[in-house]
Protein backbone atom coordinates (compact mmCIF):
# COMPACT_ATOMS: atom_id res chain seq x y z
CA MET A 1 36.73 9.84 -13.46
CA HIS A 2 37.12 7.69 -16.59
CA ARG A 3 38.88 4.95 -14.64
CA ALA A 4 36.30 4.96 -11.86
CA LEU A 5 33.43 4.53 -14.32
CA ASP A 6 35.35 1.93 -16.30
CA ALA A 7 35.97 -0.02 -13.08
CA ALA A 8 32.26 0.21 -12.16
CA VAL A 9 31.21 -1.17 -15.56
CA ALA A 10 33.87 -3.91 -15.40
CA LYS A 11 32.66 -4.93 -11.92
CA PHE A 12 29.11 -5.14 -13.26
CA GLU A 13 30.23 -7.26 -16.22
CA ALA A 14 31.97 -9.69 -13.86
CA GLY A 15 28.80 -10.43 -11.90
CA ASP A 16 25.22 -11.43 -12.48
CA ILE A 17 22.17 -9.28 -13.20
CA THR A 18 21.73 -8.35 -9.53
CA GLY A 19 24.85 -6.21 -9.85
CA VAL A 20 22.77 -3.63 -11.72
CA VAL A 21 21.71 -2.17 -8.35
CA GLU A 22 25.34 -1.70 -7.31
CA LEU A 23 26.18 -0.27 -10.74
CA GLU A 24 23.39 2.28 -10.39
CA GLY A 25 24.78 3.33 -7.01
CA LEU A 26 28.34 3.61 -8.34
CA ILE A 27 27.17 5.73 -11.27
CA ALA A 28 25.24 7.99 -8.88
CA VAL A 29 28.31 8.44 -6.65
CA ASN A 30 30.48 9.23 -9.68
CA ARG A 31 27.87 11.68 -10.98
CA LEU A 32 27.93 13.50 -7.63
CA CYS A 33 31.73 13.48 -7.57
CA HIS A 34 31.75 14.94 -11.10
CA LYS A 35 29.29 17.65 -10.05
CA LEU A 36 31.43 18.65 -7.07
CA LEU A 37 34.71 18.56 -9.01
CA SER A 38 33.27 20.54 -11.91
CA ARG A 39 32.85 23.53 -9.59
CA TYR A 40 36.63 23.91 -9.54
CA LEU A 41 37.84 22.03 -12.63
CA THR A 42 36.94 22.02 -16.29
CA LEU A 43 35.59 18.56 -17.02
CA ASP A 44 33.84 16.86 -19.91
CA GLU A 45 30.11 16.29 -19.46
CA PHE A 46 29.37 13.34 -17.20
CA ASP A 47 27.14 11.61 -19.75
CA ALA A 48 29.93 11.80 -22.34
CA ILE A 49 32.39 10.24 -19.88
CA LEU A 50 29.90 7.49 -19.06
CA ARG A 51 29.24 6.75 -22.75
CA GLU A 52 32.99 6.51 -23.33
CA SER A 53 33.47 4.14 -20.38
CA ASP A 54 30.52 2.07 -21.59
CA HIS A 55 32.05 1.95 -25.11
CA GLY A 56 28.80 3.41 -26.39
CA VAL A 57 30.40 6.17 -28.43
CA LEU A 58 30.99 4.19 -31.61
CA ALA A 59 29.15 0.93 -30.92
CA PRO A 60 25.37 0.71 -31.22
CA TYR A 61 25.19 -1.08 -27.85
CA GLY A 62 27.38 -0.42 -24.85
CA ARG A 63 28.96 -2.85 -22.42
CA ILE A 64 26.16 -2.40 -19.90
CA THR A 65 23.41 -3.14 -22.43
CA LEU A 66 25.22 -6.20 -23.76
CA HIS A 67 25.79 -7.60 -20.27
CA VAL A 68 22.15 -7.07 -19.29
CA PHE A 69 21.05 -8.80 -22.51
CA TRP A 70 23.44 -11.69 -21.90
CA GLU A 71 22.35 -12.16 -18.27
CA LEU A 72 18.65 -12.00 -19.11
CA ASN A 73 18.89 -14.49 -21.97
CA TYR A 74 21.39 -16.98 -20.60
CA ASP A 75 20.84 -16.83 -16.83
CA PHE A 76 17.64 -15.15 -15.71
CA LEU A 77 15.05 -16.37 -18.26
CA PRO A 78 16.16 -20.03 -18.34
CA ASN A 79 16.71 -20.37 -14.58
CA TYR A 80 14.09 -18.24 -12.84
CA CYS A 81 10.32 -18.24 -12.74
CA TYR A 82 7.78 -15.86 -11.24
CA ASN A 83 6.08 -17.04 -8.06
CA ALA A 84 2.77 -15.17 -7.68
CA ALA A 85 2.34 -16.30 -4.06
CA THR A 86 5.54 -14.57 -2.96
CA ASP A 87 5.44 -11.90 -5.70
CA ARG A 88 9.05 -12.51 -6.68
CA TYR A 89 11.25 -14.48 -9.04
CA ALA A 90 12.79 -17.68 -7.69
CA LEU A 91 15.22 -20.25 -9.01
CA TRP A 92 13.08 -22.91 -10.63
CA ARG A 93 15.31 -25.66 -9.24
CA GLU A 94 14.70 -24.52 -5.65
CA ARG A 95 10.97 -23.87 -5.65
CA ASN A 96 7.85 -24.95 -7.44
CA CYS A 97 7.08 -22.34 -10.11
CA HIS A 98 3.35 -22.77 -9.67
CA GLY A 99 3.33 -21.24 -6.19
C-alpha cells in the first residue's frame, strides 16, 4: 500500500498540474483497496499511510502541495490565461487572451 501511494505521488510529481485528476483517481482506488483489505488484515489508517507517502508527517507541506504550488507559480500562472468566451484557460501563446 505504501509503495502504491508513493508511486502515485511520484507519477504526479513527474507531470504537470493536469495530473492532479489522475492522482485523485489513484488515491481513490488505493483507498478502496485499503478498505477491502482491512476486512481481513490489520492495516494502519489510510490517511496515515497517505501522509507518510506524501512526506507530510514531519514536513509542514507534503510533496503533493509543493508540486501543485510549483506548477501553479512556474507553469500555469505565467503561461495560461482565462478566456471568458470559451469559459476555460488557454495557453496565451496559442490564443488571444481577450476572447
